[in-house]
Structure formats: structure tokens, C-alpha cells
Amino acid sequence: MKAIVNVFLKAGVLDSQGKAVHHALNSLQFSNVEDVRVGKQIILKLNETDKEKAMSDVTKMCEDLLANTVIEDYTIELV
């Protein structure tokens, strides 16, 4: 089983990397882009068959290490 974790800044947190990408896209004449938010994706290969246990474990991983929950949110998808 794989877990796909997407980590991104919370809505109220300034995303300076996103702003830089947005500016660069505008410089390249992509003026139809309104906003850019940059995050990270972490793909975990799990040795687990129970989806509930896997979700619980990955949630704990996110809370303890993978995301800074003060300024970041995350989503988890099990595949």
C-alpha cells in the first residue's frame, strides 16, 4: 500500500516561494495565473494491509514529523 501525503501552507501564511513562482510566470507572459501556492508531496510505501491502521500511522507521522502543523496543513491518500 502507498500513502501520498501532500503538505502545504495554511491559507493565512505567506507563501514566498509561491509568490516568486507567480512573478516568474507573469514574466513569461502567463498572465492568467491568479495565485500560486507551493507545497511538497511525500510518497510512502507501507508494509500494511489494514487501511485504518495505515491511515492512523501516517496521520501520526504527519503530526510528529512530516508537517509543521502550526503553519501547514496536509492531506493523506491511501492507494
Protein backbone atom coordinates (compact mmCIF):
# COMPACT_ATOMS: atom_id res chain seq x y z
CA MET A 1 0.00 0.00 0.00
CA LYS A 2 1.14 3.55 -0.73
CA ALA A 3 0.34 6.71 1.16
CA ILE A 4 0.51 10.00 -0.70
CA VAL A 5 0.90 12.93 1.67
CA ASN A 6 0.50 16.49 0.37
CA VAL A 7 1.80 19.20 2.72
CA PHE A 8 1.01 22.85 2.06
CA LEU A 9 1.00 26.15 3.91
CA LYS A 10 -2.21 27.18 5.65
CA ALA A 11 -4.32 29.80 3.89
CA GLY A 12 -3.21 32.74 6.05
CA VAL A 13 0.52 32.00 5.86
CA LEU A 14 2.61 33.98 3.35
CA ASP A 15 3.99 31.67 0.67
CA SER A 16 7.14 33.48 -0.52
CA GLN A 17 8.11 30.62 -2.84
CA GLY A 18 4.63 30.70 -4.38
CA LYS A 19 4.90 34.47 -4.86
CA ALA A 20 8.28 34.04 -6.61
CA VAL A 21 6.83 31.40 -8.96
CA HIS A 22 3.80 33.62 -9.63
CA HIS A 23 6.08 36.54 -10.51
CA ALA A 24 8.19 34.34 -12.80
CA LEU A 25 5.09 33.02 -14.59
CA ASN A 26 3.88 36.58 -15.16
CA SER A 27 7.32 37.46 -16.55
CA LEU A 28 6.91 34.58 -19.01
CA GLN A 29 3.58 36.05 -20.18
CA PHE A 30 1.38 33.59 -18.25
CA SER A 31 -0.82 36.41 -17.02
CA ASN A 32 -3.90 34.22 -16.49
CA VAL A 33 -2.46 32.75 -13.25
CA GLU A 34 -4.12 34.43 -10.26
CA ASP A 35 -2.14 32.88 -7.41
CA VAL A 36 0.44 30.16 -6.76
CA ARG A 37 0.90 28.08 -3.62
CA VAL A 38 3.88 25.73 -3.40
CA GLY A 39 3.87 22.62 -1.22
CA LYS A 40 5.50 19.23 -1.07
CA GLN A 41 4.41 15.69 -1.77
CA ILE A 42 5.71 12.71 0.18
CA ILE A 43 5.05 9.18 -1.08
CA LEU A 44 5.39 6.41 1.47
CA LYS A 45 5.43 2.70 0.62
CA LEU A 46 3.83 0.95 3.57
CA ASN A 47 4.04 -2.63 4.72
CA GLU A 48 0.46 -2.56 5.96
CA THR A 49 -2.76 -4.08 4.66
CA ASP A 50 -5.24 -2.58 7.13
CA LYS A 51 -6.36 0.82 5.76
CA GLU A 52 -7.50 2.13 9.14
CA LYS A 53 -4.15 1.27 10.75
CA ALA A 54 -2.24 2.73 7.80
CA MET A 55 -4.24 5.97 7.98
CA SER A 56 -3.66 6.19 11.72
CA ASP A 57 0.08 5.59 11.32
CA VAL A 58 0.50 8.11 8.51
CA THR A 59 -1.52 10.71 10.39
CA LYS A 60 0.83 10.26 13.36
CA MET A 61 3.84 10.60 11.02
CA CYS A 62 2.43 13.87 9.69
CA GLU A 63 1.69 15.26 13.15
CA ASP A 64 5.10 14.25 14.53
CA LEU A 65 7.47 14.86 11.62
CA LEU A 66 6.22 15.41 8.08
CA ALA A 67 4.22 18.61 8.60
CA ASN A 68 4.67 21.64 10.80
CA THR A 69 1.05 21.77 11.90
CA VAL A 70 1.39 25.33 13.23
CA ILE A 71 1.73 26.70 9.68
CA GLU A 72 0.99 23.71 7.41
CA ASP A 73 -1.99 21.52 6.56
CA TYR A 74 -1.80 18.11 4.96
CA THR A 75 -3.90 15.58 3.11
CA ILE A 76 -3.40 11.81 3.00
CA GLU A 77 -4.45 9.50 0.19
CA LEU A 78 -4.05 5.74 0.50
CA VAL A 79 -3.65 3.81 -2.76
